[in-house]
Protein backbone atom coordinates (compact mmCIF):
# COMPACT_ATOMS: atom_id res chain seq x y z
CA MET A 1 -208.47 -4.88 106.83
CA ALA A 2 -211.93 -6.33 107.19
CA LYS A 3 -213.44 -9.78 107.53
CA VAL A 4 -215.53 -11.54 104.91
CA LEU A 5 -218.71 -13.18 106.15
CA SER A 6 -219.21 -16.79 105.05
CA ARG A 7 -222.31 -15.99 103.02
CA VAL A 8 -222.60 -17.28 99.46
CA GLY A 9 -224.94 -17.29 96.53
CA LEU A 10 -225.05 -19.47 93.46
CA ARG A 11 -226.10 -18.83 89.88
CA VAL A 12 -226.35 -21.52 87.18
CA GLY A 13 -227.11 -21.60 83.47
CA LEU A 14 -226.79 -23.93 80.50
CA GLU A 15 -224.04 -23.19 77.99
CA ASP A 16 -224.61 -22.60 74.28
CA GLU A 17 -221.36 -24.44 73.51
CA ALA A 18 -220.10 -27.13 75.86
CA GLY A 19 -217.13 -25.89 77.85
CA THR A 20 -217.53 -22.22 76.88
CA TYR A 21 -218.41 -19.99 79.83
CA LYS A 22 -221.71 -18.16 79.59
CA THR A 23 -222.79 -15.77 82.34
CA PRO A 24 -225.39 -17.71 84.39
CA ARG A 25 -228.64 -16.04 85.55
CA GLU A 26 -230.63 -18.63 87.51
CA VAL A 27 -230.34 -18.30 91.30
CA VAL A 28 -230.32 -21.50 93.38
CA LYS A 29 -231.62 -21.58 96.95
CA LEU A 30 -229.08 -23.20 99.28
CA ASN A 31 -229.32 -25.13 102.52
CA GLU A 32 -225.78 -24.36 103.63
CA VAL A 33 -222.61 -22.52 102.72
CA ILE A 34 -220.52 -23.73 99.77
CA THR A 35 -216.75 -23.29 100.15
CA PRO A 36 -214.70 -22.84 96.96
CA SER A 37 -212.62 -25.91 96.06
CA VAL A 38 -210.14 -25.38 93.22
CA GLU A 39 -207.39 -27.78 92.15
CA PHE A 40 -204.62 -27.53 89.55
CA ASP A 41 -202.32 -30.18 88.16
CA SER A 42 -198.77 -30.08 89.44
CA VAL A 43 -195.52 -31.83 88.53
CA ASP A 44 -192.81 -32.68 91.03
CA ILE A 45 -189.29 -31.86 89.80
CA PRO A 46 -186.89 -34.14 91.70
CA ASN A 47 -183.77 -32.04 91.01
CA PHE A 48 -181.53 -34.60 92.68
CA GLY A 49 -177.96 -33.46 93.23
CA TYR A 50 -175.18 -32.97 95.72
CA PHE A 51 -177.38 -30.89 98.04
CA GLY A 52 -180.64 -31.99 99.63
CA GLY A 53 -183.87 -30.01 99.77
CA MET A 54 -183.75 -29.03 96.09
CA LYS A 55 -187.12 -30.50 95.07
CA GLU A 56 -189.38 -28.16 93.12
CA VAL A 57 -193.01 -28.13 92.05
CA VAL A 58 -194.38 -26.76 88.78
CA ASN A 59 -198.10 -25.90 88.75
CA ILE A 60 -200.07 -26.28 85.51
CA PRO A 61 -203.14 -24.01 85.57
CA CYS A 62 -204.48 -24.99 82.14
CA TRP A 63 -206.83 -27.70 83.39
CA GLY A 64 -207.97 -26.22 86.67
CA ARG A 65 -210.88 -28.03 88.34
CA ILE A 66 -213.53 -26.57 90.61
CA SER A 67 -216.18 -28.50 92.51
CA ALA A 68 -219.15 -27.81 94.77
CA ASP A 69 -221.69 -29.83 96.72
CA ILE A 70 -224.95 -27.95 96.21
CA LYS A 71 -227.45 -28.81 98.93
CA THR A 72 -231.00 -27.56 98.66
CA CYS A 73 -234.55 -28.55 99.54
CA PHE A 74 -237.19 -30.11 97.30
CA TYR A 75 -239.49 -27.21 96.39
CA ASP A 76 -242.68 -27.06 94.43
CA ASN A 77 -240.77 -25.22 91.75
CA LEU A 78 -239.64 -26.81 88.48
CA GLU A 79 -237.42 -23.87 87.46
CA PHE A 80 -235.07 -24.41 90.40
CA TYR A 81 -233.90 -27.78 89.14
CA HIS A 82 -234.15 -27.63 85.36
CA THR A 83 -230.49 -26.76 84.69
CA LEU A 84 -229.01 -28.87 87.47
CA LEU A 85 -230.98 -31.96 86.45
CA THR A 86 -230.04 -31.41 82.81
CA ILE A 87 -226.29 -31.51 83.57
CA CYS A 88 -226.86 -34.82 85.38
CA ASN A 89 -227.55 -36.22 81.88
CA LEU A 90 -231.30 -36.10 82.29
CA LYS A 91 -233.46 -35.01 79.39
CA ASN A 92 -236.84 -33.43 79.97
CA GLU A 93 -239.96 -33.85 77.90
CA THR A 94 -243.55 -32.74 78.31
CA ASN A 95 -245.88 -35.73 78.26
CA ALA A 96 -249.41 -35.88 76.86
CA GLU A 97 -250.88 -34.67 80.17
CA GLY A 98 -248.64 -31.60 80.22
CA ASN A 99 -246.34 -32.84 83.00
CA THR A 100 -242.54 -32.61 82.76
CA GLU A 101 -240.64 -35.90 82.78
CA PHE A 102 -236.90 -36.26 83.45
CA THR A 103 -235.25 -39.47 82.25
CA PRO A 104 -231.60 -40.52 81.74
CA TYR A 105 -229.86 -39.55 78.52
CA THR A 106 -226.47 -41.24 78.32
CA HIS A 107 -225.20 -39.20 75.38
CA SER A 108 -226.21 -35.75 76.62
CA GLU A 109 -223.69 -33.05 75.76
CA ALA A 110 -225.32 -30.39 77.93
CA THR A 111 -222.98 -28.53 80.29
CA ALA A 112 -223.44 -25.52 82.52
CA SER A 113 -221.64 -22.44 83.76
CA LEU A 114 -221.87 -21.50 87.44
CA ASP A 115 -221.00 -18.46 89.52
CA LEU A 116 -220.18 -19.10 93.18
CA VAL A 117 -220.71 -15.64 94.67
CA LEU A 118 -218.93 -14.59 97.86
CA PRO A 119 -219.36 -11.10 99.36
CA ASP A 120 -216.15 -9.76 97.78
CA ARG A 121 -215.43 -12.15 94.90
CA LEU A 122 -216.89 -14.78 92.62
CA PHE A 123 -215.57 -18.07 91.29
CA LYS A 124 -216.55 -19.18 87.80
CA PHE A 125 -217.27 -22.73 86.59
CA LYS A 126 -217.59 -23.85 82.98
CA GLY A 127 -218.19 -27.16 81.19
CA SER A 128 -219.82 -28.53 84.34
CA LYS A 129 -221.55 -31.85 84.98
CA ALA A 130 -223.25 -33.08 88.15
CA ASN A 131 -224.48 -36.05 90.16
CA PHE A 132 -227.93 -36.05 91.74
CA LYS A 133 -229.05 -37.33 95.14
CA MET A 134 -232.41 -37.17 96.88
CA SER A 135 -233.09 -38.18 100.48
CA GLY A 136 -235.60 -37.71 103.24
CA LYS A 137 -237.02 -38.91 106.53
CA VAL A 138 -240.57 -39.00 107.84
CA ALA A 139 -241.59 -35.68 109.45
CA ASP A 140 -238.70 -33.88 107.78
CA LYS A 141 -237.95 -32.01 104.57
CA ILE A 142 -236.73 -33.73 101.42
CA ASP A 143 -233.12 -32.83 100.59
CA LEU A 144 -231.48 -32.64 97.18
CA GLU A 145 -227.75 -32.65 96.60
CA PHE A 146 -225.97 -31.92 93.33
CA GLY A 147 -222.28 -32.77 93.28
CA VAL A 148 -220.96 -30.46 90.56
CA GLN A 149 -217.56 -30.69 88.88
CA GLY A 150 -216.45 -28.15 86.33
CA SER A 151 -213.49 -26.41 84.76
CA TYR A 152 -212.09 -23.41 86.59
CA ALA A 153 -212.96 -20.33 84.52
CA GLY A 154 -211.44 -17.68 86.75
CA ARG A 155 -212.00 -15.65 89.90
CA ASP A 156 -213.02 -11.99 90.06
CA ILE A 157 -212.34 -9.94 93.18
CA THR A 158 -215.05 -7.33 93.16
CA GLU A 159 -218.09 -6.15 95.04
CA THR A 160 -220.82 -8.66 94.41
CA GLU A 161 -224.56 -8.83 94.74
CA ILE A 162 -227.01 -11.65 94.30
CA GLY A 163 -230.73 -11.59 94.85
CA ASN A 164 -232.88 -14.18 96.56
CA VAL A 165 -235.87 -15.91 95.01
CA ASP A 166 -239.07 -17.26 96.42
CA GLY A 167 -238.84 -21.03 96.45
CA GLY A 168 -242.49 -21.73 97.11
CA GLU A 169 -243.55 -24.61 99.32
CA VAL A 170 -240.91 -26.99 100.69
CA LEU A 171 -242.00 -30.63 100.37
CA VAL A 172 -241.81 -32.94 103.37
CA ILE A 173 -242.53 -36.60 104.02
CA ASP A 174 -245.59 -36.99 106.21
CA CYS A 175 -248.61 -39.23 106.60
CA ILE A 176 -249.97 -38.20 103.20
CA GLY A 177 -246.79 -39.27 101.44
CA ALA A 178 -247.19 -42.22 99.08
CA MET A 179 -244.44 -44.77 98.59
CA SER A 180 -245.10 -48.22 97.23
CA ILE A 181 -243.41 -51.44 96.13
CA ASP A 182 -245.21 -53.34 93.39
CA GLY A 183 -248.28 -51.19 93.98
CA THR A 184 -248.49 -51.93 97.72
CA GLN A 185 -248.02 -49.02 100.13
CA ILE A 186 -245.03 -49.37 102.46
CA ASN A 187 -244.47 -47.91 105.93
CA LEU A 188 -241.25 -46.09 105.20
CA SER A 189 -239.12 -44.14 107.68
CA GLU A 190 -236.40 -42.84 105.34
CA PHE A 191 -235.03 -43.21 101.83
CA GLU A 192 -232.16 -42.14 99.60
CA PHE A 193 -231.89 -42.12 95.81
CA ASP A 194 -228.46 -41.62 94.25
CA MET A 195 -228.06 -41.41 90.48
CA GLY A 196 -224.45 -42.55 90.84
CA CYS A 197 -222.95 -40.49 88.02
CA GLU A 198 -219.28 -41.08 87.21
CA ILE A 199 -217.90 -37.68 86.19
CA ALA A 200 -214.66 -37.47 84.22
CA GLN A 201 -212.55 -34.55 83.04
CA GLU A 202 -211.46 -34.20 79.43
CA LYS A 203 -207.88 -32.94 79.29
CA PHE A 204 -206.61 -32.18 75.80
CA THR A 205 -204.55 -29.33 74.44
CA ASN A 206 -207.62 -27.31 73.45
CA VAL A 207 -210.29 -28.97 75.60
CA ASN A 208 -211.15 -28.65 79.27
CA GLU A 209 -214.63 -29.86 80.07
CA PHE A 210 -216.38 -32.69 81.87
CA HIS A 211 -218.58 -35.60 80.84
CA ILE A 212 -220.50 -38.38 82.58
CA SER A 213 -218.95 -41.69 81.58
CA ASP A 214 -221.53 -43.90 83.33
CA TYR A 215 -224.26 -43.89 85.96
CA ALA A 216 -225.56 -46.49 88.43
CA PRO A 217 -228.80 -45.37 90.12
CA LYS A 218 -229.26 -46.75 93.62
CA LEU A 219 -232.23 -46.65 95.99
CA THR A 220 -232.05 -47.29 99.73
CA VAL A 221 -235.22 -47.55 101.83
CA LYS A 222 -235.87 -48.23 105.51
CA CYS A 223 -239.28 -49.68 106.28
CA ARG A 224 -241.05 -51.09 109.31
CA LEU A 225 -240.91 -54.88 109.40
CA GLU A 226 -244.52 -56.02 109.11
CA LYS A 227 -245.53 -59.15 111.01
CA GLY A 228 -245.38 -62.21 108.79
CA GLN A 229 -244.69 -60.12 105.68
CA ASP A 230 -241.84 -59.99 103.16
CA ASP A 231 -238.41 -58.89 104.36
CA GLY A 232 -236.57 -58.99 101.02
CA PHE A 233 -234.41 -62.06 101.61
CA ASP A 234 -236.20 -64.23 99.06
CA ALA A 235 -236.02 -61.44 96.48
CA PHE A 236 -232.27 -61.07 97.09
CA LYS A 237 -231.70 -64.83 96.86
CA ASN A 238 -233.72 -65.13 93.65
CA ALA A 239 -232.43 -61.88 92.07
CA SER A 240 -236.01 -60.82 91.41
CA THR A 241 -237.02 -57.22 90.75
CA ILE A 242 -239.67 -54.89 92.14
CA ALA A 243 -241.29 -51.66 90.95
CA PHE A 244 -240.87 -48.66 93.26
CA GLU A 245 -242.86 -45.44 93.23
CA ALA A 246 -242.58 -42.39 95.46
CA ILE A 247 -245.07 -39.53 95.25
CA PHE A 248 -244.18 -36.26 96.96
CA ARG A 249 -247.17 -34.14 97.87
CA ASN A 250 -247.80 -30.62 99.10
CA LYS A 251 -249.69 -29.61 102.23
CA ALA A 252 -252.96 -29.73 100.31
CA GLY A 253 -252.35 -33.41 99.49
CA GLN A 254 -251.75 -32.77 95.79
CA ASP A 255 -249.14 -34.77 93.86
CA VAL A 256 -246.19 -32.49 92.99
CA TRP A 257 -243.20 -34.73 92.12
CA LYS A 258 -243.09 -38.46 91.39
CA LEU A 259 -240.11 -40.82 91.26
CA GLU A 260 -240.66 -44.12 89.42
CA ILE A 261 -238.24 -47.05 89.20
CA PRO A 262 -239.82 -49.79 87.03
CA LYS A 263 -237.19 -52.45 87.79
CA ALA A 264 -235.25 -52.36 91.06
CA GLN A 265 -233.07 -55.27 92.09
CA LEU A 266 -231.62 -55.80 95.57
CA SER A 267 -227.86 -55.28 95.37
CA GLU A 268 -227.03 -56.54 98.87
CA SER A 269 -228.59 -58.57 101.63
CA PRO A 270 -231.32 -56.74 103.62
CA LYS A 271 -230.24 -55.40 107.01
CA PHE A 272 -232.22 -55.48 110.25
CA GLU A 273 -232.13 -52.52 112.64
CA ASP A 274 -233.70 -51.76 116.00
CA SER A 275 -235.67 -48.50 115.99
CA GLU A 276 -237.21 -47.46 119.30
CA GLY A 277 -237.98 -51.08 120.15
CA ILE A 278 -239.30 -52.32 116.81
CA PHE A 279 -237.56 -53.89 113.82
CA VAL A 280 -236.76 -51.87 110.73
CA ILE A 281 -235.47 -53.45 107.53
CA GLU A 282 -233.05 -51.61 105.23
CA ARG A 283 -232.97 -52.58 101.58
CA THR A 284 -230.64 -51.27 98.86
CA PHE A 285 -231.66 -51.62 95.21
CA LEU A 286 -230.06 -50.93 91.86
CA ALA A 287 -232.34 -49.28 89.31
CA ILE A 288 -232.03 -51.68 86.37
CA ALA A 289 -232.38 -50.61 82.74
CA ASP A 290 -234.71 -52.56 80.47
CA GLN A 291 -234.00 -51.19 77.00
CA GLY A 292 -231.50 -48.49 77.96
CA ASP A 293 -231.89 -45.07 79.64
CA ASP A 294 -235.14 -46.18 81.28
CA ASN A 295 -233.79 -46.91 84.78
CA PHE A 296 -236.01 -44.30 86.39
CA LYS A 297 -238.28 -41.33 85.74
CA LEU A 298 -238.75 -38.14 87.75
CA THR A 299 -241.96 -36.27 86.95
CA TYR A 300 -243.10 -32.78 87.89
CA ILE A 301 -246.90 -32.55 87.95
CA ALA A 302 -248.14 -29.37 86.32
CA LYS A 303 -250.32 -27.28 88.64
CA ALA A 304 -253.21 -27.49 86.16
CA ASN A 305 -253.21 -31.29 86.58
CA ARG A 306 -253.37 -31.41 90.36
CA ASP A 307 -256.53 -32.71 91.99
């Protein structure tokens, strides 16, 4: 007998037909190990009678579910995120400048297959959807998390192999970062953006796949409280909205990714915090739709368009 090291790899790929497994090819760079999490439906059989202890359980493997929290860094690499963003119900289009824009698409039918590769076996996902989170602190890397849920498509016990890929430059938040509210730069210490996807499983006699029934994008920012300046209380009281923009740059100071929220409304009262002897204000916003599926936009700046 021999041990199995807790080393994993992950491959993803869009499916030609939703819910039908297709061998994935794209390798995802990971921040930490992913442990397999598989669940099956079960039915308790009471079997009440003269004797105790007669309860039974019947497992139903038809609608097996498998999930994974995929944690990675924000790289200067569009290919790493194309599939994962797509199964978060985001469509991508190339704008007039040649940049790639991701925006919500409520009625997206795109699903993905995934292989979670352990040293001696692999677990297969199909019909998968995901939620998307982005977060970061000053002087630290920007983290992405994709909470994937899919149908269990089997497990193969076999010798496995998965290659690594060059991720390119990891983006961090530093003094050349650019975050603004209504066009005014803010002194931000940390932020989190959560798309808030509600993922549901379809369980029918011939169907086992997932869909996103709704989404509620939320932005949380922590900023230094500036003397005599706005703290968000009036905006919360008046239910007014702001425009938020975050630009993520590389070491050369070039714009690489941009997150835009045209209408953000405070969803709760601002919170004061003490941070090393100065006040910090935390504000949580909902990204509000105007005409539908326009809550936010995530743009990848093509290298040919960088200053």
